[in-house]
């Protein structure tokens, strides 16, 4: 009997299945993205506003949000490079589908396109190191862990998905044993681009650079070519990305939250400590000598650049007021510590951390159990992945969003789980129980532990989990849109970005650290009538918007009295349709501080 050949699964086939799932999610998401955006993260809505402003005539180098605390507006620390990618889909889409259709297309297929690239990077990267089983394990985890795949879901147009994609690519390029020089050049360029997009992944990139330097110091084959190309390309690409992002007159500004002079000096120090030891490699044949030279160059460089770098050690929140910093530390979910969230919102921590810890433990356990079967490349990949993951876990204890440091490495550890499972011989008594263990630790099974565990994600950068949809419905936004043109609307922080996205009015609050007032107005100012009076006067707001379903407003008894009809003389209730939104005209002449300048509360 003639036997027909059977098709064996390949990494390409696995990637195609994952891509098909991504595209199906994008197509179905297109029809619901309007509703999705009503519940979207503030950053996604603000990004959409920024893209509209740019396409409407705002300058490439001008990233001021003028409708947030007008007339000066609020300076944003974002990158136009992301806007360019979104606009590349939005503009041609609008030619065929109109403005609303073009925006829907971009909102769905921009993160979908990034997800497709992420699938290819993860599948082929893990597959090159761990084979077919490793690729399958890495992709299954990446496609099911809400913290990762949620960043690529429809509507996610903020920059975090781009950063995770670029960081993942840099990780696999660092590990690939072929074409070390070319891989180093590409990795350095992508690393610089990631820093131009945002600095959230800076600890990951610095740590990866340090690991590459240690690999060279201990003489691994080809590591010198990679390190040389990586450092040199970074120091060339970073100034070019800076030049394409900010105007010439600001090149010398000492910003700590964007690619600017302090970070350029840090990149230059890293390049110096990478390139010179490689050039002197023929004279430095021992690991201690190479390490000593790299450390000496790094220490001298940091000492010389200390006047530029030391002010940045305080972090991006150094210039915010104590009141705004308290709001960031205690209210913004992503900025809170794991111990704090375990007390107040344990399900959030469980859904993010349990799959991460489980896959890290399983992957490392399998690698240790079968360590004698590991190749040199696999040993190197395991060490890199464990160091990066553990660093992310430790940093997340202080702020849960620091788990992003571990995110690019975790699918690789999941790949070790797939690789390790195949190391059990056919018929082994360990196969069945280990298959069950792996199955039960997959993110979807963790999600089944409670209905609130499925977070796609409220978010990875989302600050107001469970509150985002309150008063963002069509009717509520229509009420605000119907106010006289030029109205400045004072609201809770969760409504600020929505007001900018769905109306032509101006807002007074949003969670962006370059404006302490925007933070205070959105939360602290609602704590008492006196605080609100001062904030209304300072902001120049003409209408107060309150939401009866907002959890942050529900905590304030005096606001509940206001909702109940006890209206002070400095507010006048405006007619409103039935719903959860209440609007009040602000009578500035009746405010207690009328006619004099008030300090910030």
Protein backbone atom coordinates (compact mmCIF):
# COMPACT_ATOMS: atom_id res chain seq x y z
CA UNK A 1 0.00 0.00 0.00
CA UNK A 2 1.31 3.39 -1.01
CA UNK A 3 1.95 5.69 1.95
CA UNK A 4 1.50 9.38 1.30
CA UNK A 5 4.03 11.65 3.00
CA UNK A 6 2.60 13.52 5.97
CA UNK A 7 3.40 17.18 6.50
CA UNK A 8 5.55 17.70 9.55
CA UNK A 9 4.85 20.81 11.61
CA UNK A 10 7.40 23.55 11.24
CA UNK A 11 8.09 26.83 13.00
CA UNK A 12 6.63 28.62 10.01
CA UNK A 13 3.38 26.68 10.30
CA UNK A 14 3.11 27.47 14.01
CA UNK A 15 3.72 31.15 13.31
CA UNK A 16 1.06 31.11 10.59
CA UNK A 17 -1.49 29.69 13.02
CA UNK A 18 -0.67 32.41 15.54
CA UNK A 19 -0.84 35.09 12.82
CA UNK A 20 -4.23 33.77 11.70
CA UNK A 21 -5.50 34.18 15.27
CA UNK A 22 -4.12 37.73 15.38
CA UNK A 23 -5.78 38.65 12.09
CA UNK A 24 -9.09 37.09 13.13
CA UNK A 25 -8.95 39.11 16.35
CA UNK A 26 -8.26 42.26 14.30
CA UNK A 27 -11.11 41.67 11.86
CA UNK A 28 -13.65 40.99 14.61
CA UNK A 29 -12.25 43.88 16.64
CA UNK A 30 -12.84 46.30 13.77
CA UNK A 31 -16.59 46.13 14.27
CA UNK A 32 -16.42 46.72 18.03
CA UNK A 33 -13.45 49.09 18.32
CA UNK A 34 -15.73 52.08 18.87
CA UNK A 35 -17.09 50.52 22.03
CA UNK A 36 -13.64 49.25 22.95
CA UNK A 37 -12.26 52.78 22.92
CA UNK A 38 -14.97 53.93 25.31
CA UNK A 39 -13.31 51.69 27.87
CA UNK A 40 -9.79 52.29 26.62
CA UNK A 41 -6.77 53.34 28.57
CA UNK A 42 -6.23 57.09 28.82
CA UNK A 43 -2.98 56.79 26.89
CA UNK A 44 -4.69 55.19 23.88
CA UNK A 45 -7.26 57.98 23.72
CA UNK A 46 -4.59 60.65 24.15
CA UNK A 47 -2.51 59.08 21.39
CA UNK A 48 -5.50 59.25 19.07
CA UNK A 49 -5.93 62.94 19.96
CA UNK A 50 -2.24 63.57 19.25
CA UNK A 51 -2.43 61.89 15.84
CA UNK A 52 -5.50 63.94 14.93
CA UNK A 53 -3.77 67.15 16.02
CA UNK A 54 -0.71 66.36 13.93
CA UNK A 55 -2.73 65.46 10.84
CA UNK A 56 -4.78 68.61 11.48
CA UNK A 57 -1.73 70.84 11.15
CA UNK A 58 0.17 70.74 14.47
CA UNK A 59 3.92 70.63 13.90
CA UNK A 60 5.95 67.42 13.88
CA UNK A 61 8.18 68.77 16.64
CA UNK A 62 5.30 70.30 18.61
CA UNK A 63 3.94 67.72 21.04
CA UNK A 64 2.12 70.18 23.28
CA UNK A 65 -1.47 69.22 24.10
CA UNK A 66 -3.03 72.67 23.91
CA UNK A 67 -6.56 71.63 24.90
CA UNK A 68 -5.32 70.23 28.19
CA UNK A 69 -5.13 73.13 30.66
CA UNK A 70 -5.34 75.84 27.98
CA UNK A 71 -4.06 78.19 26.79
CA UNK A 72 -0.49 77.02 27.55
CA UNK A 73 -1.40 73.33 27.40
CA UNK A 74 0.68 70.44 28.73
CA UNK A 75 3.96 69.21 27.24
CA UNK A 76 3.85 65.50 26.41
CA UNK A 77 6.95 63.30 26.56
CA UNK A 78 5.86 61.09 23.69
CA UNK A 79 7.30 60.38 20.25
CA UNK A 80 5.95 61.29 16.83
CA UNK A 81 7.50 58.10 15.46
CA UNK A 82 4.51 56.15 16.80
CA UNK A 83 2.12 58.71 15.30
CA UNK A 84 3.81 58.20 11.93
CA UNK A 85 3.07 54.47 11.96
CA UNK A 86 -0.56 55.00 12.98
CA UNK A 87 -1.04 57.72 10.36
CA UNK A 88 0.37 55.43 7.67
CA UNK A 89 -2.76 53.31 8.14
CA UNK A 90 -5.21 56.03 9.10
CA UNK A 91 -4.70 58.39 6.15
CA UNK A 92 -5.14 55.92 3.27
CA UNK A 93 -7.90 54.22 5.25
CA UNK A 94 -9.77 57.52 5.48
CA UNK A 95 -9.63 57.91 1.68
CA UNK A 96 -11.68 54.75 1.33
CA UNK A 97 -13.70 54.62 4.53
CA UNK A 98 -13.98 58.22 5.68
CA UNK A 99 -12.36 59.70 8.78
CA UNK A 100 -14.17 57.49 11.30
CA UNK A 101 -13.53 54.36 9.24
CA UNK A 102 -9.87 55.26 8.76
CA UNK A 103 -9.43 55.74 12.49
CA UNK A 104 -11.10 52.41 13.22
CA UNK A 105 -8.80 50.74 10.70
CA UNK A 106 -5.71 52.22 12.35
CA UNK A 107 -6.94 51.45 15.86
CA UNK A 108 -7.28 47.79 14.96
CA UNK A 109 -4.59 47.01 12.42
CA UNK A 110 -1.72 49.06 13.89
CA UNK A 111 -1.55 46.85 17.02
CA UNK A 112 -2.44 43.87 14.81
CA UNK A 113 0.54 44.54 12.53
CA UNK A 114 2.82 44.83 15.55
CA UNK A 115 1.40 41.56 16.88
CA UNK A 116 2.21 39.78 13.61
CA UNK A 117 5.82 40.98 13.81
CA UNK A 118 5.96 39.95 17.47
CA UNK A 119 4.78 36.45 16.52
CA UNK A 120 7.56 36.13 13.95
CA UNK A 121 10.23 37.51 16.31
CA UNK A 122 9.15 35.22 19.15
CA UNK A 123 8.53 32.12 17.06
CA UNK A 124 11.71 32.21 14.99
CA UNK A 125 13.84 33.56 17.86
CA UNK A 126 12.82 30.85 20.33
CA UNK A 127 12.83 28.25 17.55
CA UNK A 128 16.40 29.02 16.57
CA UNK A 129 17.49 28.43 20.16
CA UNK A 130 15.18 25.63 21.29
CA UNK A 131 13.72 24.06 18.18
CA UNK A 132 10.10 23.44 17.24
CA UNK A 133 8.90 22.64 20.78
CA UNK A 134 10.56 25.79 22.09
CA UNK A 135 8.88 27.92 19.43
CA UNK A 136 5.50 26.37 20.25
CA UNK A 137 5.93 26.93 23.98
CA UNK A 138 7.02 30.54 23.53
CA UNK A 139 4.13 31.38 21.19
CA UNK A 140 1.48 29.64 23.30
CA UNK A 141 2.53 31.68 26.31
CA UNK A 142 2.85 34.92 24.34
CA UNK A 143 -0.59 34.45 22.77
CA UNK A 144 -2.37 33.64 26.02
CA UNK A 145 -0.77 35.85 28.69
CA UNK A 146 -2.98 38.94 28.97
CA UNK A 147 -0.12 41.17 30.12
CA UNK A 148 1.63 40.58 26.80
CA UNK A 149 -1.03 39.91 24.20
CA UNK A 150 -3.25 42.56 25.76
CA UNK A 151 -0.74 45.18 24.62
CA UNK A 152 -1.46 44.17 21.02
CA UNK A 153 -5.24 43.97 21.21
CA UNK A 154 -7.50 46.25 19.11
CA UNK A 155 -7.38 49.84 20.32
CA UNK A 156 -3.94 49.59 21.92
CA UNK A 157 -2.14 52.37 20.05
CA UNK A 158 0.04 53.56 22.90
CA UNK A 159 3.81 53.02 22.64
CA UNK A 160 4.25 50.13 25.07
CA UNK A 161 3.61 47.45 22.44
CA UNK A 162 6.27 48.98 20.20
CA UNK A 163 8.73 49.01 23.08
CA UNK A 164 8.06 45.37 23.96
CA UNK A 165 8.44 44.37 20.32
CA UNK A 166 11.73 46.25 19.90
CA UNK A 167 13.11 44.91 23.18
CA UNK A 168 12.19 41.35 22.23
CA UNK A 169 13.93 41.77 18.88
CA UNK A 170 17.05 43.14 20.59
CA UNK A 171 17.08 40.15 22.98
CA UNK A 172 16.95 37.54 20.21
CA UNK A 173 19.45 39.44 18.04
CA UNK A 174 21.82 39.46 21.02
CA UNK A 175 21.52 35.69 21.37
CA UNK A 176 21.75 34.66 17.71
CA UNK A 177 25.16 33.07 17.01
CA UNK A 178 25.23 33.91 13.29
CA UNK A 179 26.26 37.23 11.73
CA UNK A 180 27.31 38.73 15.03
CA UNK A 181 28.43 42.01 13.50
CA UNK A 182 25.22 42.59 11.55
CA UNK A 183 23.07 41.48 14.48
CA UNK A 184 24.90 43.90 16.78
CA UNK A 185 24.37 46.78 14.36
CA UNK A 186 20.66 46.02 14.03
CA UNK A 187 20.23 45.46 17.78
CA UNK A 188 21.93 48.76 18.60
CA UNK A 189 19.75 50.63 16.13
CA UNK A 190 16.54 49.07 17.44
CA UNK A 191 17.66 49.76 21.00
CA UNK A 192 18.14 53.45 20.16
CA UNK A 193 14.72 53.53 18.48
CA UNK A 194 13.13 52.01 21.57
CA UNK A 195 14.66 54.77 23.69
CA UNK A 196 13.40 57.38 21.25
CA UNK A 197 9.88 55.96 21.61
CA UNK A 198 10.05 55.98 25.43
CA UNK A 199 12.28 55.12 28.35
CA UNK A 200 10.17 52.49 30.09
CA UNK A 201 12.38 49.69 28.78
CA UNK A 202 15.66 51.48 29.51
CA UNK A 203 16.54 49.18 32.47
CA UNK A 204 16.02 46.13 30.22
CA UNK A 205 18.22 47.55 27.46
CA UNK A 206 20.98 48.62 29.86
CA UNK A 207 20.98 45.21 31.51
CA UNK A 208 21.11 43.44 28.15
CA UNK A 209 24.03 45.65 27.12
CA UNK A 210 25.81 44.73 30.34
CA UNK A 211 25.22 41.01 29.75
CA UNK A 212 26.63 41.33 26.24
CA UNK A 213 29.70 43.04 27.71
CA UNK A 214 30.18 40.23 30.24
CA UNK A 215 29.88 37.68 27.46
CA UNK A 216 32.74 39.40 25.65
CA UNK A 217 34.82 39.66 28.79
CA UNK A 218 34.67 35.89 29.22
CA UNK A 219 35.67 35.33 25.63
CA UNK A 220 32.60 33.74 24.02
CA UNK A 221 33.10 33.28 20.30
CA UNK A 222 31.89 36.21 18.19
CA UNK A 223 30.86 38.25 21.22
CA UNK A 224 33.39 40.98 20.47
CA UNK A 225 31.99 41.63 17.00
CA UNK A 226 28.49 41.92 18.43
CA UNK A 227 29.50 44.23 21.27
CA UNK A 228 31.51 46.49 18.98
CA UNK A 229 28.68 46.82 16.47
CA UNK A 230 26.06 47.20 19.17
CA UNK A 231 27.83 50.05 20.97
CA UNK A 232 28.86 51.84 17.78
CA UNK A 233 25.44 51.67 16.12
CA UNK A 234 23.74 52.87 19.30
CA UNK A 235 25.92 55.93 19.58
CA UNK A 236 25.32 56.76 15.90
CA UNK A 237 21.59 56.01 15.75
CA UNK A 238 20.51 57.71 19.00
CA UNK A 239 21.47 61.27 17.95
CA UNK A 240 19.80 60.70 14.57
CA UNK A 241 16.55 59.64 16.24
CA UNK A 242 16.85 62.65 18.55
CA UNK A 243 17.31 64.98 15.59
CA UNK A 244 14.20 63.56 13.97
CA UNK A 245 12.14 63.96 17.11
CA UNK A 246 12.83 67.38 18.64
CA UNK A 247 13.75 70.80 17.17
CA UNK A 248 17.39 71.86 17.02
CA UNK A 249 17.02 74.52 19.73
CA UNK A 250 16.10 71.88 22.33
CA UNK A 251 18.89 69.39 21.58
CA UNK A 252 20.87 70.61 24.58
CA UNK A 253 17.94 70.50 27.04
CA UNK A 254 18.44 68.28 30.09
CA UNK A 255 15.27 66.19 29.99
CA UNK A 256 15.28 62.98 32.02
CA UNK A 257 12.08 61.37 30.69
CA UNK A 258 12.94 61.30 26.96
CA UNK A 259 15.87 60.69 24.65
CA UNK A 260 17.88 63.83 25.37
CA UNK A 261 21.34 64.94 26.45
CA UNK A 262 21.52 62.89 29.70
CA UNK A 263 20.61 59.67 27.95
CA UNK A 264 22.90 60.46 25.01
CA UNK A 265 25.78 60.83 27.47
CA UNK A 266 24.89 57.46 29.03
CA UNK A 267 24.78 55.84 25.59
CA UNK A 268 28.17 57.38 24.75
CA UNK A 269 29.67 55.97 27.96
CA UNK A 270 28.29 52.52 27.14
CA UNK A 271 29.68 52.71 23.62
CA UNK A 272 33.09 53.80 24.88
CA UNK A 273 33.20 50.99 27.42
CA UNK A 274 32.21 48.52 24.69
CA UNK A 275 34.19 49.58 21.65
CA UNK A 276 37.60 50.31 23.18
CA UNK A 277 37.97 46.96 25.01
CA UNK A 278 37.08 45.14 21.79
CA UNK A 279 39.69 47.13 19.85
CA UNK A 280 42.21 46.32 22.56
CA UNK A 281 41.18 42.67 22.61
CA UNK A 282 44.48 41.38 21.28
CA UNK A 283 46.25 42.95 24.29
CA UNK A 284 43.63 41.91 26.83
CA UNK A 285 43.45 38.15 26.74
CA UNK A 286 42.09 37.50 30.23
CA UNK A 287 38.60 38.09 31.56
CA UNK A 288 39.81 40.13 34.58
CA UNK A 289 41.76 42.48 32.31
CA UNK A 290 38.78 43.04 30.01
CA UNK A 291 36.42 43.56 32.93
CA UNK A 292 38.85 45.98 34.56
CA UNK A 293 39.11 48.10 31.42
CA UNK A 294 35.35 48.18 30.87
CA UNK A 295 34.73 49.11 34.48
CA UNK A 296 37.41 51.80 34.43
CA UNK A 297 36.02 53.36 31.27
CA UNK A 298 32.49 53.19 32.65
CA UNK A 299 33.41 54.73 36.00
CA UNK A 300 35.41 57.56 34.41
CA UNK A 301 32.64 58.25 31.93
CA UNK A 302 29.97 58.32 34.64
CA UNK A 303 32.12 60.64 36.76
CA UNK A 304 32.59 63.05 33.88
CA UNK A 305 28.88 62.96 33.02
CA UNK A 306 27.68 63.06 36.63
CA UNK A 307 26.53 66.71 36.49
CA UNK A 308 24.24 65.68 33.65
CA UNK A 309 23.13 62.31 35.05
CA UNK A 310 22.75 62.82 38.80
CA UNK A 311 19.59 64.98 38.58
CA UNK A 312 17.93 62.16 36.61
CA UNK A 313 18.43 59.62 39.40
CA UNK A 314 15.30 61.01 41.04
CA UNK A 315 13.27 59.60 38.14
CA UNK A 316 10.62 61.15 35.92
CA UNK A 317 8.55 62.31 38.91
CA UNK A 318 11.27 64.50 40.43
CA UNK A 319 9.56 67.74 39.45
CA UNK A 320 5.98 66.89 40.42
CA UNK A 321 4.51 68.31 43.61
CA UNK A 322 4.24 66.14 46.73
CA UNK A 323 0.46 66.12 46.30
CA UNK A 324 0.68 64.82 42.73
CA UNK A 325 3.34 62.28 43.70
CA UNK A 326 1.06 60.96 46.43
CA UNK A 327 -1.69 60.47 43.85
CA UNK A 328 0.72 58.62 41.54
CA UNK A 329 1.93 56.34 44.33
CA UNK A 330 -1.46 55.53 45.86
CA UNK A 331 -4.03 55.78 43.07
CA UNK A 332 -2.39 54.92 39.74
CA UNK A 333 -2.49 51.12 39.61
CA UNK A 334 0.57 50.63 37.46
CA UNK A 335 2.72 52.75 39.80
CA UNK A 336 1.74 50.86 42.95
CA UNK A 337 3.82 48.17 44.59
CA UNK A 338 2.95 44.49 44.58
CA UNK A 339 2.58 44.37 48.40
CA UNK A 340 0.14 47.28 48.23
CA UNK A 341 -1.86 45.73 45.39
CA UNK A 342 -1.93 42.34 47.13
CA UNK A 343 -3.89 44.00 49.92
CA UNK A 344 -6.14 46.21 47.80
CA UNK A 345 -6.42 44.45 44.43
CA UNK A 346 -5.01 40.92 44.74
CA UNK A 347 -6.67 39.66 41.55
CA UNK A 348 -4.69 42.15 39.47
CA UNK A 349 -1.42 40.88 40.91
CA UNK A 350 -2.46 37.25 40.52
CA UNK A 351 -3.43 37.58 36.86
CA UNK A 352 -0.15 39.30 35.97
CA UNK A 353 2.38 37.62 38.22
CA UNK A 354 1.19 34.03 38.62
CA UNK A 355 1.60 33.02 34.94
CA UNK A 356 4.95 34.84 34.84
CA UNK A 357 6.30 33.13 37.94
CA UNK A 358 4.93 29.75 36.84
CA UNK A 359 6.53 29.83 33.41
CA UNK A 360 9.82 31.10 34.81
CA UNK A 361 9.87 28.33 37.39
CA UNK A 362 8.91 25.58 34.94
CA UNK A 363 11.35 26.72 32.27
CA UNK A 364 14.24 27.03 34.71
CA UNK A 365 13.32 23.72 36.36
CA UNK A 366 13.35 21.84 33.07
CA UNK A 367 16.65 23.44 32.07
CA UNK A 368 18.25 22.41 35.35
CA UNK A 369 16.79 18.90 35.19
CA UNK A 370 18.17 18.32 31.70
CA UNK A 371 21.21 20.61 31.95
CA UNK A 372 23.50 18.00 30.47
CA UNK A 373 21.54 18.16 27.21
CA UNK A 374 21.73 21.94 26.88
CA UNK A 375 23.88 23.38 24.11
CA UNK A 376 26.12 26.36 24.71
CA UNK A 377 23.62 28.65 22.99
CA UNK A 378 20.79 27.33 25.15
CA UNK A 379 22.81 27.82 28.34
CA UNK A 380 23.53 31.40 27.33
CA UNK A 381 19.88 32.05 26.48
CA UNK A 382 18.75 30.56 29.79
CA UNK A 383 21.14 32.75 31.79
CA UNK A 384 20.04 35.90 29.93
CA UNK A 385 16.34 35.09 30.29
CA UNK A 386 16.58 34.29 34.00
CA UNK A 387 18.56 37.42 34.84
CA UNK A 388 16.18 39.66 32.89
CA UNK A 389 13.10 37.99 34.34
CA UNK A 390 14.30 38.05 37.93
CA UNK A 391 15.26 41.71 37.58
CA UNK A 392 11.75 42.47 36.35
CA UNK A 393 10.22 40.54 39.26
CA UNK A 394 12.34 42.43 41.80
CA UNK A 395 11.62 45.85 40.29
CA UNK A 396 7.90 44.99 40.15
CA UNK A 397 7.88 44.74 43.94
CA UNK A 398 8.28 48.52 43.96
CA UNK A 399 6.06 49.34 40.95
CA UNK A 400 4.10 46.61 39.22
CA UNK A 401 4.60 48.14 35.79
CA UNK A 402 8.29 47.25 36.06
CA UNK A 403 7.25 43.71 35.17
CA UNK A 404 7.72 44.94 31.59
CA UNK A 405 11.45 44.41 32.15
CA UNK A 406 10.73 40.68 32.32
CA UNK A 407 8.12 40.49 29.55
CA UNK A 408 10.45 39.94 26.53
CA UNK A 409 12.31 37.14 28.32
CA UNK A 410 9.31 35.18 29.63
CA UNK A 411 8.21 33.65 26.29
CA UNK A 412 11.76 32.36 25.92
CA UNK A 413 11.47 30.67 29.33
CA UNK A 414 8.15 29.24 28.17
CA UNK A 415 10.10 27.87 25.22
CA UNK A 416 12.35 26.03 27.67
CA UNK A 417 9.18 24.46 29.11
CA UNK A 418 8.22 23.13 25.67
CA UNK A 419 11.77 21.97 25.00
CA UNK A 420 12.01 20.32 28.42
CA UNK A 421 8.75 18.43 28.03
CA UNK A 422 10.08 16.72 24.92
CA UNK A 423 13.12 15.59 26.87
CA UNK A 424 10.87 13.06 28.65
CA UNK A 425 11.20 9.85 26.69
CA UNK A 426 8.13 8.32 25.10
CA UNK A 427 6.33 6.28 27.73
CA UNK A 428 7.97 8.09 30.62
CA UNK A 429 5.84 8.18 33.77
CA UNK A 430 6.61 11.91 34.02
CA UNK A 431 4.93 12.87 30.76
CA UNK A 432 1.30 12.81 31.88
CA UNK A 433 1.71 14.61 35.23
CA UNK A 434 4.02 17.22 33.71
CA UNK A 435 1.61 17.81 30.85
CA UNK A 436 -1.10 18.48 33.44
CA UNK A 437 1.16 20.85 35.37
CA UNK A 438 2.01 22.79 32.21
CA UNK A 439 -1.64 22.94 31.22
CA UNK A 440 -2.78 24.24 34.61
CA UNK A 441 -0.15 26.98 34.67
CA UNK A 442 -1.09 28.39 31.27
CA UNK A 443 -2.57 31.91 31.55
CA UNK A 444 -6.10 30.91 30.40
CA UNK A 445 -6.39 28.41 33.24
CA UNK A 446 -5.15 31.02 35.70
CA UNK A 447 -7.88 33.32 34.37
CA UNK A 448 -10.51 30.71 35.19
CA UNK A 449 -9.71 31.14 38.89
CA UNK A 450 -11.99 34.18 39.00
CA UNK A 451 -14.05 36.28 36.61
CA UNK A 452 -12.01 39.38 37.34
CA UNK A 453 -8.71 37.73 36.41
CA UNK A 454 -9.19 38.30 32.71
CA UNK A 455 -7.58 41.71 32.26
CA UNK A 456 -6.69 42.58 28.69
CA UNK A 457 -5.20 44.55 30.61
CA UNK A 458 -6.80 47.33 32.51
CA UNK A 459 -3.85 47.87 32.07
CA UNK A 460 -0.27 47.43 31.30
CA UNK A 461 -0.25 51.16 31.29
CA UNK A 462 -3.84 51.57 32.36
CA UNK A 463 -4.35 53.45 35.57
CA UNK A 464 -8.07 53.32 36.20
CA UNK A 465 -9.04 49.68 36.04
CA UNK A 466 -12.76 49.21 36.41
CA UNK A 467 -13.45 52.95 36.09
CA UNK A 468 -12.68 53.70 32.47
CA UNK A 469 -16.18 53.32 31.02
CA UNK A 470 -17.92 55.53 33.59
CA UNK A 471 -19.55 58.51 31.80
CA UNK A 472 -17.68 57.90 28.55
CA UNK A 473 -20.84 56.69 26.82
CA UNK A 474 -22.14 58.37 23.68
CA UNK A 475 -24.85 60.37 25.44
CA UNK A 476 -22.52 61.74 28.11
CA UNK A 477 -19.90 62.82 25.61
CA UNK A 478 -22.64 64.34 23.42
CA UNK A 479 -23.74 66.50 26.35
CA UNK A 480 -20.22 67.86 26.74
CA UNK A 481 -19.81 68.28 22.98
CA UNK A 482 -23.01 70.38 22.89
CA UNK A 483 -21.57 72.97 25.29
CA UNK A 484 -20.53 76.33 23.75
CA UNK A 485 -17.26 76.15 21.76
CA UNK A 486 -14.18 76.83 23.83
CA UNK A 487 -15.63 75.45 27.06
CA UNK A 488 -13.03 74.30 29.57
CA UNK A 489 -14.44 71.24 31.34
CA UNK A 490 -13.24 70.31 34.82
CA UNK A 491 -13.62 66.59 35.49
CA UNK A 492 -12.10 63.57 37.15
CA UNK A 493 -8.89 62.27 35.62
CA UNK A 494 -10.56 59.42 33.79
CA UNK A 495 -12.73 61.77 31.74
CA UNK A 496 -10.00 64.19 30.66
CA UNK A 497 -8.64 62.21 27.71
CA UNK A 498 -12.16 61.16 26.66
CA UNK A 499 -13.28 64.80 26.55
CA UNK A 500 -10.37 65.61 24.25
CA UNK A 501 -11.03 62.55 22.07
CA UNK A 502 -14.82 62.77 21.71
CA UNK A 503 -15.47 66.51 21.84
CA UNK A 504 -13.88 69.77 20.71
CA UNK A 505 -13.84 71.12 24.26
CA UNK A 506 -10.81 71.53 26.53
CA UNK A 507 -10.04 69.56 29.68
CA UNK A 508 -8.17 70.17 32.93
CA UNK A 509 -7.03 66.72 34.04
CA UNK A 510 -4.97 63.80 32.73
CA UNK A 511 -2.40 61.43 34.31
CA UNK A 512 0.82 62.87 32.82
CA UNK A 513 3.70 63.72 35.10
CA UNK A 514 4.82 66.87 33.32
CA UNK A 515 1.82 68.64 34.81
CA UNK A 516 1.20 68.37 38.53
CA UNK A 517 -1.94 70.45 38.10
CA UNK A 518 -3.42 67.93 35.63
CA UNK A 519 -2.89 65.18 38.23
CA UNK A 520 -4.25 67.25 41.12
CA UNK A 521 -7.30 68.47 39.22
CA UNK A 522 -8.32 64.94 38.31
CA UNK A 523 -8.27 63.52 41.81
CA UNK A 524 -7.05 65.67 44.71
CA UNK A 525 -9.19 68.68 43.81
CA UNK A 526 -12.32 66.57 44.20
CA UNK A 527 -11.49 65.81 47.82
CA UNK A 528 -13.21 68.86 49.28
CA UNK A 529 -15.24 71.90 48.24
CA UNK A 530 -12.36 74.20 49.21
CA UNK A 531 -9.83 72.29 47.08
CA UNK A 532 -12.23 72.27 44.13
CA UNK A 533 -12.84 76.02 44.42
CA UNK A 534 -9.13 76.76 44.24
CA UNK A 535 -8.58 74.37 41.33
CA UNK A 536 -11.51 75.78 39.37
CA UNK A 537 -10.19 79.31 39.76
CA UNK A 538 -6.63 78.38 38.84
CA UNK A 539 -7.60 76.28 35.80
CA UNK A 540 -10.12 78.78 34.46
CA UNK A 541 -12.63 75.97 33.96
CA UNK A 542 -16.10 77.15 33.01
CA UNK A 543 -18.02 73.88 33.44
CA UNK A 544 -17.72 71.16 36.09
CA UNK A 545 -18.55 67.62 34.96
CA UNK A 546 -19.31 65.06 37.65
CA UNK A 547 -20.00 61.37 37.18
CA UNK A 548 -22.24 59.51 39.61
CA UNK A 549 -20.71 56.15 38.64
CA UNK A 550 -17.13 57.20 39.15
CA UNK A 551 -15.62 55.26 42.08
CA UNK A 552 -13.21 58.10 42.82
CA UNK A 553 -16.13 60.54 43.17
CA UNK A 554 -18.30 58.10 45.10
CA UNK A 555 -15.79 58.20 47.97
CA UNK A 556 -16.50 61.89 48.60
CA UNK A 557 -19.58 62.56 50.75
CA UNK A 558 -19.75 66.20 49.78
CA UNK A 559 -19.94 65.28 46.09
CA UNK A 560 -22.81 62.92 46.85
CA UNK A 561 -24.61 65.82 48.47
CA UNK A 562 -23.97 67.84 45.32
CA UNK A 563 -25.43 65.05 43.22
CA UNK A 564 -28.40 65.09 45.58
CA UNK A 565 -29.20 68.71 44.79
CA UNK A 566 -27.24 70.67 47.44
CA UNK A 567 -25.59 73.09 44.99
CA UNK A 568 -23.38 75.94 46.28
CA UNK A 569 -23.77 79.46 44.92
CA UNK A 570 -20.57 79.21 42.87
CA UNK A 571 -22.09 76.43 40.76
CA UNK A 572 -25.26 76.36 38.66
CA UNK A 573 -26.72 73.04 37.57
CA UNK A 574 -27.11 72.79 33.81
CA UNK A 575 -29.96 70.88 32.14
CA UNK A 576 -28.79 67.39 31.32
CA UNK A 577 -30.24 64.30 29.75
CA UNK A 578 -30.94 61.34 31.97
CA UNK A 579 -27.72 59.52 32.74
CA UNK A 580 -24.74 59.43 35.06
CA UNK A 581 -23.18 62.75 34.01
CA UNK A 582 -24.04 66.02 35.77
CA UNK A 583 -22.87 69.39 34.45
CA UNK A 584 -22.52 72.63 36.42
CA UNK A 585 -21.72 76.13 35.21
CA UNK A 586 -18.89 77.67 37.23
CA UNK A 587 -19.58 81.19 38.54
CA UNK A 588 -16.05 82.53 38.95
CA UNK A 589 -17.28 85.78 40.48
CA UNK A 590 -18.79 83.82 43.37
CA UNK A 591 -15.67 81.76 44.12
CA UNK A 592 -14.16 82.64 47.52
CA UNK A 593 -10.80 83.39 45.93
CA UNK A 594 -12.15 85.54 43.09
CA UNK A 595 -9.82 88.32 42.10
CA UNK A 596 -6.62 86.97 43.65
CA UNK A 597 -4.04 84.42 42.56
CA UNK A 598 -4.12 81.19 44.55
CA UNK A 599 -1.20 78.88 45.12
CA UNK A 600 -1.46 75.27 44.12
CA UNK A 601 -3.34 73.28 46.76
